[in-house]
Amino acid sequence: KRRIRIAVLDTGIDETDSFISGKLDDIMAEHFSPIAGKWNFVDVNKKKDTPDSTGHGTHVAGLLLSVAPDADIYVAKISDDLHFQDPGPVVKAIKWATEELQGVDIITMSFGMREYNSEIAGAIIDALKARKIMFAAASNGGRNRPRTYPGSDGNVICVHALTGLGETGSINPSSKVEHDRLATLGMGLTLRWDGKQEFKDGTSYATPIAAGIAANWLEWINATAEAGPTSTSLRQEELNHWTQYDGMTKIFSKVMSVDSGGGSGLRYVAPWHLWAMGGKATDDQIIGNIRRDLSKA
C-alpha cells in the first residue's frame, strides 16, 4: 500500500537522539526508515545534511511518528534556531514539498512569524492547488498576541494546544470565528533532548500531532476506497473532497472533534471521536456516520 508522505518544515532532525532513535528503531524493525528524504534550506553546502541544534525539529518529527508510524517523513531544515523570521528557506521548502516531492500529502509547519509574508502566501496557494494539506502552529502568546503566520493564513489548518483531557490553557491566542478553531494535544508533553527529560507546552507540538491524525485518516480513507464498491459505498467525489484541505477541515471540525468547553471556542480533535463505534462498525457504517455529521449545520 502507498504510505502517506509528510513534509516537516523545522530546525532539522537528530536521528541519534534518544527521543526519536527508539521510535525509528521500532519502525525499522518492521519496515524501513520512515525518514524518506532530507534537505537543508539554511546551508546550501550541506544539502541533505539536516542537523538539529535546538531539538525542536527532532521533537516535532518524533511526535509525528508517535501518532503516524506508517507515514514517510521528509525533513526540510528551514532554521538553525527558534527564530523563524527568514521567509526565504520557508518558501523554498514549501516549493520543494510541492514541486519536487509531488507525492507529499501533508506539510506541517511548527513555527510562526509576526508578520504576513506574501512570498510564503504565494507558495501556500501553489501547494493548496496541488492538493497539499498544510498545518501550522497558532502561537503561544495567549491573548496578548494574535496568531502568527502562516497559522493565520486561511489556506492552512491552524492548530491550537490542549491538555490530554481536551482542556484549554493560557498559551492559545484568541480563536477567530472566521477561521478554523481546531486544537489537539499539545500541553504537558514529556519530551527528551540531549539526555534530559523536559515537560513542554506548545501549539508547535500540537501541530505534528494534528498532522499525524490527518495522515491516519488519509491512510484509512484511501484503503477504504481501494477495497472497492463491494465493501463500501464511498463515492469518488467524496474521496476527492475528503482528502484535500477543505474536506479535511470539515472532517476535523464536524466529525473528529468535540467542543473543548470553557468558552474557548476551540474544537478538540482526537481520532476516537471518529471511531466511537469501535471495532464493531463496518467501513460503510463509518462512512454513513461521516455523511450524517457533515450534513449538520
C-alpha atoms as a PDB file:
ATOM      1  CA  LYS A   1       0.000   0.000   0.000  1.00  0.00           C
ATOM      2  CA  ARG A   2       1.062   3.585  -0.564  1.00  0.00           C
ATOM      3  CA  ARG A   3       2.405   5.274   2.559  1.00  0.00           C
ATOM      4  CA  ILE A   4       1.224   8.791   3.436  1.00  0.00           C
ATOM      5  CA  ARG A   5       4.011  11.330   2.927  1.00  0.00           C
ATOM      6  CA  ILE A   6       4.562  14.302   5.219  1.00  0.00           C
ATOM      7  CA  ALA A   7       6.996  17.202   4.822  1.00  0.00           C
ATOM      8  CA  VAL A   8       8.208  18.636   8.149  1.00  0.00           C
ATOM      9  CA  LEU A   9       9.467  22.229   7.967  1.00  0.00           C
ATOM     10  CA  ASP A  10      11.514  22.907  11.105  1.00  0.00           C
ATOM     11  CA  THR A  11      15.020  23.035  12.613  1.00  0.00           C
ATOM     12  CA  GLY A  12      16.184  19.699  11.218  1.00  0.00           C
ATOM     13  CA  ILE A  13      16.455  16.330  12.927  1.00  0.00           C
ATOM     14  CA  ASP A  14      18.902  14.428  15.121  1.00  0.00           C
ATOM     15  CA  GLU A  15      18.169  10.774  14.429  1.00  0.00           C
ATOM     16  CA  THR A  16      20.614   9.666  17.140  1.00  0.00           C
ATOM     17  CA  ASP A  17      18.842  11.484  19.982  1.00  0.00           C
ATOM     18  CA  SER A  18      17.073   9.163  22.414  1.00  0.00           C
ATOM     19  CA  PHE A  19      13.699  10.887  21.949  1.00  0.00           C
ATOM     20  CA  ILE A  20      13.410   9.708  18.360  1.00  0.00           C
ATOM     21  CA  SER A  21      16.001   6.954  17.906  1.00  0.00           C
ATOM     22  CA  GLY A  22      13.873   4.361  19.713  1.00  0.00           C
ATOM     23  CA  LYS A  23      10.854   5.201  17.559  1.00  0.00           C
ATOM     24  CA  LEU A  24      12.952   4.856  14.425  1.00  0.00           C
ATOM     25  CA  ASP A  25      14.346   1.505  15.584  1.00  0.00           C
ATOM     26  CA  ASP A  26      10.844   0.163  16.298  1.00  0.00           C
ATOM     27  CA  ILE A  27       9.547   1.229  12.894  1.00  0.00           C
ATOM     28  CA  MET A  28      12.609  -0.048  11.024  1.00  0.00           C
ATOM     29  CA  ALA A  29      12.299  -3.419  12.772  1.00  0.00           C
ATOM     30  CA  GLU A  30       9.072  -3.967  10.820  1.00  0.00           C
ATOM     31  CA  HIS A  31       9.594  -1.836   7.718  1.00  0.00           C
ATOM     32  CA  PHE A  32      12.375   0.569   6.780  1.00  0.00           C
ATOM     33  CA  SER A  33      13.381   4.037   7.880  1.00  0.00           C
ATOM     34  CA  PRO A  34      10.415   6.423   7.814  1.00  0.00           C
ATOM     35  CA  ILE A  35      12.814   9.317   7.131  1.00  0.00           C
ATOM     36  CA  ALA A  36      12.389   9.212   3.372  1.00  0.00           C
ATOM     37  CA  GLY A  37      14.219  12.415   2.487  1.00  0.00           C
ATOM     38  CA  LYS A  38      16.030  15.450   3.898  1.00  0.00           C
ATOM     39  CA  TRP A  39      17.075  18.844   2.574  1.00  0.00           C
ATOM     40  CA  ASN A  40      18.856  21.775   4.191  1.00  0.00           C
ATOM     41  CA  PHE A  41      17.444  25.135   3.076  1.00  0.00           C
ATOM     42  CA  VAL A  42      19.618  27.108   5.509  1.00  0.00           C
ATOM     43  CA  ASP A  43      23.097  25.954   4.476  1.00  0.00           C
ATOM     44  CA  VAL A  44      23.301  25.182   0.761  1.00  0.00           C
ATOM     45  CA  ASN A  45      26.650  23.442   1.290  1.00  0.00           C
ATOM     46  CA  LYS A  46      25.063  20.756   3.464  1.00  0.00           C
ATOM     47  CA  LYS A  47      22.076  19.951   1.237  1.00  0.00           C
ATOM     48  CA  LYS A  48      20.933  16.554   2.557  1.00  0.00           C
ATOM     49  CA  ASP A  49      22.531  17.038   5.986  1.00  0.00           C
ATOM     50  CA  THR A  50      19.915  18.499   8.365  1.00  0.00           C
ATOM     51  CA  PRO A  51      21.447  18.654  11.882  1.00  0.00           C
ATOM     52  CA  ASP A  52      19.249  19.916  14.701  1.00  0.00           C
ATOM     53  CA  SER A  53      20.958  22.003  17.394  1.00  0.00           C
ATOM     54  CA  THR A  54      17.765  23.009  19.233  1.00  0.00           C
ATOM     55  CA  GLY A  55      15.817  19.752  19.497  1.00  0.00           C
ATOM     56  CA  HIS A  56      12.638  21.384  18.224  1.00  0.00           C
ATOM     57  CA  GLY A  57      12.600  19.708  14.824  1.00  0.00           C
ATOM     58  CA  THR A  58      13.538  16.386  16.404  1.00  0.00           C
ATOM     59  CA  HIS A  59      10.657  16.681  18.864  1.00  0.00           C
ATOM     60  CA  VAL A  60       8.222  17.576  16.082  1.00  0.00           C
ATOM     61  CA  ALA A  61       9.310  14.619  13.945  1.00  0.00           C
ATOM     62  CA  GLY A  62       9.205  12.296  16.966  1.00  0.00           C
ATOM     63  CA  LEU A  63       5.677  13.341  17.922  1.00  0.00           C
ATOM     64  CA  LEU A  64       4.570  12.903  14.333  1.00  0.00           C
ATOM     65  CA  LEU A  65       5.976   9.375  14.189  1.00  0.00           C
ATOM     66  CA  SER A  66       4.359   8.540  17.532  1.00  0.00           C
ATOM     67  CA  VAL A  67       0.951   9.270  16.019  1.00  0.00           C
ATOM     68  CA  ALA A  68       1.567   8.123  12.428  1.00  0.00           C
ATOM     69  CA  PRO A  69       4.334   5.485  12.458  1.00  0.00           C
ATOM     70  CA  ASP A  70       3.383   4.245   8.986  1.00  0.00           C
ATOM     71  CA  ALA A  71       3.986   7.614   7.324  1.00  0.00           C
ATOM     72  CA  ASP A  72       7.048   8.652   5.344  1.00  0.00           C
ATOM     73  CA  ILE A  73       8.714  11.812   6.668  1.00  0.00           C
ATOM     74  CA  TYR A  74      10.560  14.382   4.561  1.00  0.00           C
ATOM     75  CA  VAL A  75      12.658  16.747   6.683  1.00  0.00           C
ATOM     76  CA  ALA A  76      13.121  20.324   5.483  1.00  0.00           C
ATOM     77  CA  LYS A  77      15.523  22.345   7.630  1.00  0.00           C
ATOM     78  CA  ILE A  78      14.421  25.982   7.465  1.00  0.00           C
ATOM     79  CA  SER A  79      16.172  27.457  10.522  1.00  0.00           C
ATOM     80  CA  ASP A  80      19.178  26.908  12.789  1.00  0.00           C
ATOM     81  CA  ASP A  81      17.347  28.319  15.809  1.00  0.00           C
ATOM     82  CA  LEU A  82      13.864  29.008  17.135  1.00  0.00           C
ATOM     83  CA  HIS A  83      13.595  32.435  15.497  1.00  0.00           C
ATOM     84  CA  PHE A  84      11.835  31.626  12.257  1.00  0.00           C
ATOM     85  CA  GLN A  85      11.994  35.075  10.714  1.00  0.00           C
ATOM     86  CA  ASP A  86      13.659  34.430   7.346  1.00  0.00           C
ATOM     87  CA  PRO A  87      10.952  33.671   4.783  1.00  0.00           C
ATOM     88  CA  GLY A  88      13.409  32.512   2.110  1.00  0.00           C
ATOM     89  CA  PRO A  89      14.018  28.964   3.391  1.00  0.00           C
ATOM     90  CA  VAL A  90      10.306  28.557   4.152  1.00  0.00           C
ATOM     91  CA  VAL A  91       9.299  29.462   0.600  1.00  0.00           C
ATOM     92  CA  LYS A  92      11.913  27.125  -0.868  1.00  0.00           C
ATOM     93  CA  ALA A  93      10.845  24.289   1.429  1.00  0.00           C
ATOM     94  CA  ILE A  94       7.155  24.622   0.543  1.00  0.00           C
ATOM     95  CA  LYS A  95       8.049  24.651  -3.158  1.00  0.00           C
ATOM     96  CA  TRP A  96      10.290  21.599  -2.625  1.00  0.00           C
ATOM     97  CA  ALA A  97       7.434  19.732  -0.976  1.00  0.00           C
ATOM     98  CA  THR A  98       5.002  20.826  -3.683  1.00  0.00           C
ATOM     99  CA  GLU A  99       7.027  20.569  -6.879  1.00  0.00           C
ATOM    100  CA  GLU A 100       9.929  18.181  -6.299  1.00  0.00           C
ATOM    101  CA  LEU A 101       8.201  15.865  -3.832  1.00  0.00           C
ATOM    102  CA  GLN A 102       4.985  15.702  -5.803  1.00  0.00           C
ATOM    103  CA  GLY A 103       3.699  12.754  -3.808  1.00  0.00           C
ATOM    104  CA  VAL A 104       3.719  14.613  -0.478  1.00  0.00           C
ATOM    105  CA  ASP A 105       0.246  14.696   1.063  1.00  0.00           C
ATOM    106  CA  ILE A 106       0.792  16.904   4.128  1.00  0.00           C
ATOM    107  CA  ILE A 107       3.059  19.833   5.001  1.00  0.00           C
ATOM    108  CA  THR A 108       3.449  20.638   8.698  1.00  0.00           C
ATOM    109  CA  MET A 109       4.901  23.936   9.958  1.00  0.00           C
ATOM    110  CA  SER A 110       5.519  24.281  13.701  1.00  0.00           C
ATOM    111  CA  PHE A 111       6.731  27.862  13.641  1.00  0.00           C
ATOM    112  CA  GLY A 112       5.332  31.355  13.414  1.00  0.00           C
ATOM    113  CA  MET A 113       6.280  34.820  12.183  1.00  0.00           C
ATOM    114  CA  ARG A 114       4.749  38.015  13.472  1.00  0.00           C
ATOM    115  CA  GLU A 115       4.073  39.457  10.046  1.00  0.00           C
ATOM    116  CA  TYR A 116       2.228  38.196   6.983  1.00  0.00           C
ATOM    117  CA  ASN A 117       4.587  37.350   4.132  1.00  0.00           C
ATOM    118  CA  SER A 118       3.414  37.491   0.526  1.00  0.00           C
ATOM    119  CA  GLU A 119       6.091  35.093  -0.757  1.00  0.00           C
ATOM    120  CA  ILE A 120       5.096  32.411   1.732  1.00  0.00           C
ATOM    121  CA  ALA A 121       1.432  33.099   0.950  1.00  0.00           C
ATOM    122  CA  GLY A 122       2.115  32.532  -2.744  1.00  0.00           C
ATOM    123  CA  ALA A 123       3.896  29.248  -2.053  1.00  0.00           C
ATOM    124  CA  ILE A 124       0.990  28.158   0.159  1.00  0.00           C
ATOM    125  CA  ILE A 125      -1.527  28.907  -2.607  1.00  0.00           C
ATOM    126  CA  ASP A 126       0.511  26.833  -5.066  1.00  0.00           C
ATOM    127  CA  ALA A 127       0.648  23.972  -2.550  1.00  0.00           C
ATOM    128  CA  LEU A 128      -3.104  24.223  -2.000  1.00  0.00           C
ATOM    129  CA  LYS A 129      -3.716  23.992  -5.750  1.00  0.00           C
ATOM    130  CA  ALA A 130      -1.544  20.867  -5.742  1.00  0.00           C
ATOM    131  CA  ARG A 131      -3.887  19.356  -3.107  1.00  0.00           C
ATOM    132  CA  LYS A 132      -1.427  19.537  -0.214  1.00  0.00           C
ATOM    133  CA  ILE A 133      -2.953  19.716   3.272  1.00  0.00           C
ATOM    134  CA  MET A 134      -0.989  22.195   5.389  1.00  0.00           C
ATOM    135  CA  PHE A 135      -0.850  22.561   9.163  1.00  0.00           C
ATOM    136  CA  ALA A 136       0.690  25.435  11.132  1.00  0.00           C
ATOM    137  CA  ALA A 137       1.007  26.387  14.799  1.00  0.00           C
ATOM    138  CA  ALA A 138      -1.288  29.083  16.192  1.00  0.00           C
ATOM    139  CA  SER A 139       1.309  30.708  18.570  1.00  0.00           C
ATOM    140  CA  ASN A 140       1.995  30.524  22.294  1.00  0.00           C
ATOM    141  CA  GLY A 141       1.401  34.153  23.245  1.00  0.00           C
ATOM    142  CA  GLY A 142      -2.047  33.666  24.753  1.00  0.00           C
ATOM    143  CA  ARG A 143      -4.422  36.583  24.410  1.00  0.00           C
ATOM    144  CA  ASN A 144      -1.502  39.016  24.386  1.00  0.00           C
ATOM    145  CA  ARG A 145      -0.701  38.179  20.774  1.00  0.00           C
ATOM    146  CA  PRO A 146      -2.680  37.121  17.702  1.00  0.00           C
ATOM    147  CA  ARG A 147      -1.998  34.035  15.653  1.00  0.00           C
ATOM    148  CA  THR A 148       1.381  34.066  13.983  1.00  0.00           C
ATOM    149  CA  TYR A 149       1.984  33.496  10.289  1.00  0.00           C
ATOM    150  CA  PRO A 150       1.448  31.109   8.498  1.00  0.00           C
ATOM    151  CA  GLY A 151      -1.010  29.869  11.147  1.00  0.00           C
ATOM    152  CA  SER A 152      -3.159  32.908  10.408  1.00  0.00           C
ATOM    153  CA  ASP A 153      -3.309  32.074   6.696  1.00  0.00           C
ATOM    154  CA  GLY A 154      -6.782  30.942   5.675  1.00  0.00           C
ATOM    155  CA  ASN A 155      -5.349  28.238   3.417  1.00  0.00           C
ATOM    156  CA  VAL A 156      -3.719  26.230   6.209  1.00  0.00           C
ATOM    157  CA  ILE A 157      -5.175  24.371   9.180  1.00  0.00           C
ATOM    158  CA  CYS A 158      -4.213  26.385  12.256  1.00  0.00           C
ATOM    159  CA  VAL A 159      -3.594  24.233  15.339  1.00  0.00           C
ATOM    160  CA  HIS A 160      -4.057  25.238  18.991  1.00  0.00           C
ATOM    161  CA  ALA A 161      -2.919  23.236  22.027  1.00  0.00           C
ATOM    162  CA  LEU A 162      -4.999  21.430  24.659  1.00  0.00           C
ATOM    163  CA  THR A 163      -4.319  19.042  27.526  1.00  0.00           C
ATOM    164  CA  GLY A 164      -4.788  15.300  27.214  1.00  0.00           C
ATOM    165  CA  LEU A 165      -8.315  15.800  28.553  1.00  0.00           C
ATOM    166  CA  GLY A 166      -9.134  18.333  25.865  1.00  0.00           C
ATOM    167  CA  GLU A 167      -8.944  21.349  28.175  1.00  0.00           C
ATOM    168  CA  THR A 168      -7.502  24.665  27.088  1.00  0.00           C
ATOM    169  CA  GLY A 169      -4.725  26.598  28.762  1.00  0.00           C
ATOM    170  CA  SER A 170      -3.286  30.088  28.762  1.00  0.00           C
ATOM    171  CA  ILE A 171      -0.969  29.802  25.753  1.00  0.00           C
ATOM    172  CA  ASN A 172      -3.581  29.813  22.976  1.00  0.00           C
ATOM    173  CA  PRO A 173      -4.353  33.058  21.139  1.00  0.00           C
ATOM    174  CA  SER A 174      -7.964  34.123  20.803  1.00  0.00           C
ATOM    175  CA  SER A 175      -9.767  31.881  18.329  1.00  0.00           C
ATOM    176  CA  LYS A 176     -11.202  33.574  15.266  1.00  0.00           C
ATOM    177  CA  VAL A 177     -14.774  32.952  14.202  1.00  0.00           C
ATOM    178  CA  GLU A 178     -13.854  33.352  10.532  1.00  0.00           C
ATOM    179  CA  HIS A 179     -11.034  30.794  10.738  1.00  0.00           C
ATOM    180  CA  ASP A 180     -10.735  27.181  11.825  1.00  0.00           C
ATOM    181  CA  ARG A 181     -10.755  26.798  15.602  1.00  0.00           C
ATOM    182  CA  LEU A 182      -9.080  23.429  15.857  1.00  0.00           C
ATOM    183  CA  ALA A 183      -6.908  22.099  18.658  1.00  0.00           C
ATOM    184  CA  THR A 184      -5.399  18.866  19.908  1.00  0.00           C
ATOM    185  CA  LEU A 185      -2.926  17.555  22.466  1.00  0.00           C
ATOM    186  CA  GLY A 186      -0.030  19.967  22.916  1.00  0.00           C
ATOM    187  CA  MET A 187       0.277  20.555  26.664  1.00  0.00           C
ATOM    188  CA  GLY A 188       2.032  18.578  29.378  1.00  0.00           C
ATOM    189  CA  LEU A 189       4.085  16.575  26.894  1.00  0.00           C
ATOM    190  CA  THR A 190       7.068  14.606  28.154  1.00  0.00           C
ATOM    191  CA  LEU A 191       9.973  15.155  25.772  1.00  0.00           C
ATOM    192  CA  ARG A 192      13.686  14.404  25.894  1.00  0.00           C
ATOM    193  CA  TRP A 193      16.647  16.282  24.476  1.00  0.00           C
ATOM    194  CA  ASP A 194      20.337  15.693  24.953  1.00  0.00           C
ATOM    195  CA  GLY A 195      19.561  13.018  27.528  1.00  0.00           C
ATOM    196  CA  LYS A 196      17.400  15.282  29.683  1.00  0.00           C
ATOM    197  CA  GLN A 197      13.659  14.952  30.265  1.00  0.00           C
ATOM    198  CA  GLU A 198      11.543  18.042  29.647  1.00  0.00           C
ATOM    199  CA  PHE A 199       7.862  18.863  30.087  1.00  0.00           C
ATOM    200  CA  LYS A 200       6.611  21.075  27.299  1.00  0.00           C
ATOM    201  CA  ASP A 201       3.519  23.014  26.240  1.00  0.00           C
ATOM    202  CA  GLY A 202       3.132  24.454  22.785  1.00  0.00           C
ATOM    203  CA  THR A 203       0.982  24.789  19.703  1.00  0.00           C
ATOM    204  CA  SER A 204       4.116  23.808  17.780  1.00  0.00           C
ATOM    205  CA  TYR A 205       3.854  20.372  19.417  1.00  0.00           C
ATOM    206  CA  ALA A 206       0.116  20.097  18.810  1.00  0.00           C
ATOM    207  CA  THR A 207       0.706  20.740  15.103  1.00  0.00           C
ATOM    208  CA  PRO A 208       2.541  17.484  14.251  1.00  0.00           C
ATOM    209  CA  ILE A 209       0.027  15.540  16.333  1.00  0.00           C
ATOM    210  CA  ALA A 210      -2.800  17.024  14.251  1.00  0.00           C
ATOM    211  CA  ALA A 211      -0.834  16.255  11.083  1.00  0.00           C
ATOM    212  CA  GLY A 212      -0.373  12.670  12.267  1.00  0.00           C
ATOM    213  CA  ILE A 213      -4.100  12.290  12.901  1.00  0.00           C
ATOM    214  CA  ALA A 214      -4.733  13.585   9.376  1.00  0.00           C
ATOM    215  CA  ALA A 215      -2.202  11.107   7.970  1.00  0.00           C
ATOM    216  CA  ASN A 216      -4.003   8.207   9.629  1.00  0.00           C
ATOM    217  CA  TRP A 217      -7.305   9.479   8.239  1.00  0.00           C
ATOM    218  CA  LEU A 218      -5.847   9.656   4.716  1.00  0.00           C
ATOM    219  CA  GLU A 219      -4.420   6.159   5.040  1.00  0.00           C
ATOM    220  CA  TRP A 220      -7.795   4.757   6.136  1.00  0.00           C
ATOM    221  CA  ILE A 221      -9.932   6.543   3.574  1.00  0.00           C
ATOM    222  CA  ASN A 222      -7.546   5.588   0.734  1.00  0.00           C
ATOM    223  CA  ALA A 223      -7.545   1.946   1.865  1.00  0.00           C
ATOM    224  CA  THR A 224     -11.338   2.019   2.067  1.00  0.00           C
ATOM    225  CA  ALA A 225     -11.529   3.353  -1.481  1.00  0.00           C
ATOM    226  CA  GLU A 226      -9.114   0.683  -2.737  1.00  0.00           C
ATOM    227  CA  ALA A 227     -11.325  -2.029  -1.224  1.00  0.00           C
ATOM    228  CA  GLY A 228     -13.844  -1.212  -3.920  1.00  0.00           C
ATOM    229  CA  PRO A 229     -17.650  -0.912  -4.095  1.00  0.00           C
ATOM    230  CA  THR A 230     -18.234  -4.373  -2.659  1.00  0.00           C
ATOM    231  CA  SER A 231     -17.231  -3.225   0.840  1.00  0.00           C
ATOM    232  CA  THR A 232     -18.224   0.431   0.902  1.00  0.00           C
ATOM    233  CA  SER A 233     -20.487   2.950  -0.786  1.00  0.00           C
ATOM    234  CA  LEU A 234     -17.756   5.619  -0.748  1.00  0.00           C
ATOM    235  CA  ARG A 235     -18.165   7.806  -3.807  1.00  0.00           C
ATOM    236  CA  GLN A 236     -15.271   9.162  -5.865  1.00  0.00           C
ATOM    237  CA  GLU A 237     -16.340  12.769  -5.312  1.00  0.00           C
ATOM    238  CA  GLU A 238     -16.324  12.147  -1.547  1.00  0.00           C
ATOM    239  CA  LEU A 239     -12.831  10.673  -1.721  1.00  0.00           C
ATOM    240  CA  ASN A 240     -11.596  13.650  -3.734  1.00  0.00           C
ATOM    241  CA  HIS A 241     -13.148  16.127  -1.307  1.00  0.00           C
ATOM    242  CA  TRP A 242     -12.194  14.438   1.962  1.00  0.00           C
ATOM    243  CA  THR A 243      -8.519  14.154   1.033  1.00  0.00           C
ATOM    244  CA  GLN A 244      -7.788  17.845   0.462  1.00  0.00           C
ATOM    245  CA  TYR A 245      -7.760  20.984   2.627  1.00  0.00           C
ATOM    246  CA  ASP A 246     -11.430  21.958   2.665  1.00  0.00           C
ATOM    247  CA  GLY A 247     -12.670  18.422   3.193  1.00  0.00           C
ATOM    248  CA  MET A 248     -10.046  17.659   5.849  1.00  0.00           C
ATOM    249  CA  THR A 249     -11.059  20.796   7.731  1.00  0.00           C
ATOM    250  CA  LYS A 250     -14.682  19.657   7.741  1.00  0.00           C
ATOM    251  CA  ILE A 251     -13.726  16.148   8.863  1.00  0.00           C
ATOM    252  CA  PHE A 252     -11.766  17.648  11.766  1.00  0.00           C
ATOM    253  CA  SER A 253     -14.377  20.218  12.790  1.00  0.00           C
ATOM    254  CA  LYS A 254     -17.589  18.209  12.300  1.00  0.00           C
ATOM    255  CA  VAL A 255     -16.628  14.540  12.589  1.00  0.00           C
ATOM    256  CA  MET A 256     -13.421  14.134  14.572  1.00  0.00           C
ATOM    257  CA  SER A 257     -13.812  16.735  17.332  1.00  0.00           C
ATOM    258  CA  VAL A 258     -15.920  18.000  20.231  1.00  0.00           C
ATOM    259  CA  ASP A 259     -16.245  21.386  21.902  1.00  0.00           C
ATOM    260  CA  SER A 260     -13.295  21.831  24.273  1.00  0.00           C
ATOM    261  CA  GLY A 261     -15.522  23.795  26.671  1.00  0.00           C
ATOM    262  CA  GLY A 262     -14.595  26.678  28.909  1.00  0.00           C
ATOM    263  CA  GLY A 263     -15.791  29.243  26.395  1.00  0.00           C
ATOM    264  CA  SER A 264     -12.612  28.930  24.324  1.00  0.00           C
ATOM    265  CA  GLY A 265     -14.469  28.243  21.092  1.00  0.00           C
ATOM    266  CA  LEU A 266     -11.913  25.560  20.223  1.00  0.00           C
ATOM    267  CA  ARG A 267     -12.747  22.136  18.808  1.00  0.00           C
ATOM    268  CA  TYR A 268     -10.848  19.265  20.436  1.00  0.00           C
ATOM    269  CA  VAL A 269      -9.621  16.997  17.644  1.00  0.00           C
ATOM    270  CA  ALA A 270      -8.970  13.375  18.606  1.00  0.00           C
ATOM    271  CA  PRO A 271      -9.265  10.223  16.462  1.00  0.00           C
ATOM    272  CA  TRP A 272     -11.550   8.369  18.872  1.00  0.00           C
ATOM    273  CA  HIS A 273     -14.337  10.839  18.143  1.00  0.00           C
ATOM    274  CA  LEU A 274     -14.490   9.300  14.659  1.00  0.00           C
ATOM    275  CA  TRP A 275     -14.058   5.697  15.764  1.00  0.00           C
ATOM    276  CA  ALA A 276     -16.579   5.927  18.611  1.00  0.00           C
ATOM    277  CA  MET A 277     -18.455   2.878  17.345  1.00  0.00           C
ATOM    278  CA  GLY A 278     -15.394   0.733  17.989  1.00  0.00           C
ATOM    279  CA  GLY A 279     -14.340  -2.377  16.112  1.00  0.00           C
ATOM    280  CA  LYS A 280     -17.925  -3.492  15.535  1.00  0.00           C
ATOM    281  CA  ALA A 281     -18.570  -0.800  12.937  1.00  0.00           C
ATOM    282  CA  THR A 282     -18.113  -1.628   9.271  1.00  0.00           C
ATOM    283  CA  ASP A 283     -16.378   0.779   6.917  1.00  0.00           C
ATOM    284  CA  ASP A 284     -19.734   1.559   5.345  1.00  0.00           C
ATOM    285  CA  GLN A 285     -21.287   2.379   8.726  1.00  0.00           C
ATOM    286  CA  ILE A 286     -18.415   4.760   9.436  1.00  0.00           C
ATOM    287  CA  ILE A 287     -18.855   6.382   6.017  1.00  0.00           C
ATOM    288  CA  GLY A 288     -22.556   6.788   6.808  1.00  0.00           C
ATOM    289  CA  ASN A 289     -21.767   8.454  10.128  1.00  0.00           C
ATOM    290  CA  ILE A 290     -19.375  10.833   8.391  1.00  0.00           C
ATOM    291  CA  ARG A 291     -22.030  11.821   5.861  1.00  0.00           C
ATOM    292  CA  ARG A 292     -24.531  12.375   8.678  1.00  0.00           C
ATOM    293  CA  ASP A 293     -22.160  14.575  10.688  1.00  0.00           C
ATOM    294  CA  LEU A 294     -21.089  16.600   7.663  1.00  0.00           C
ATOM    295  CA  SER A 295     -24.725  17.289   6.765  1.00  0.00           C
ATOM    296  CA  LYS A 296     -25.330  19.018  10.100  1.00  0.00           C
ATOM    297  CA  ALA A 297     -25.222  22.805  10.151  1.00  0.00           C
END
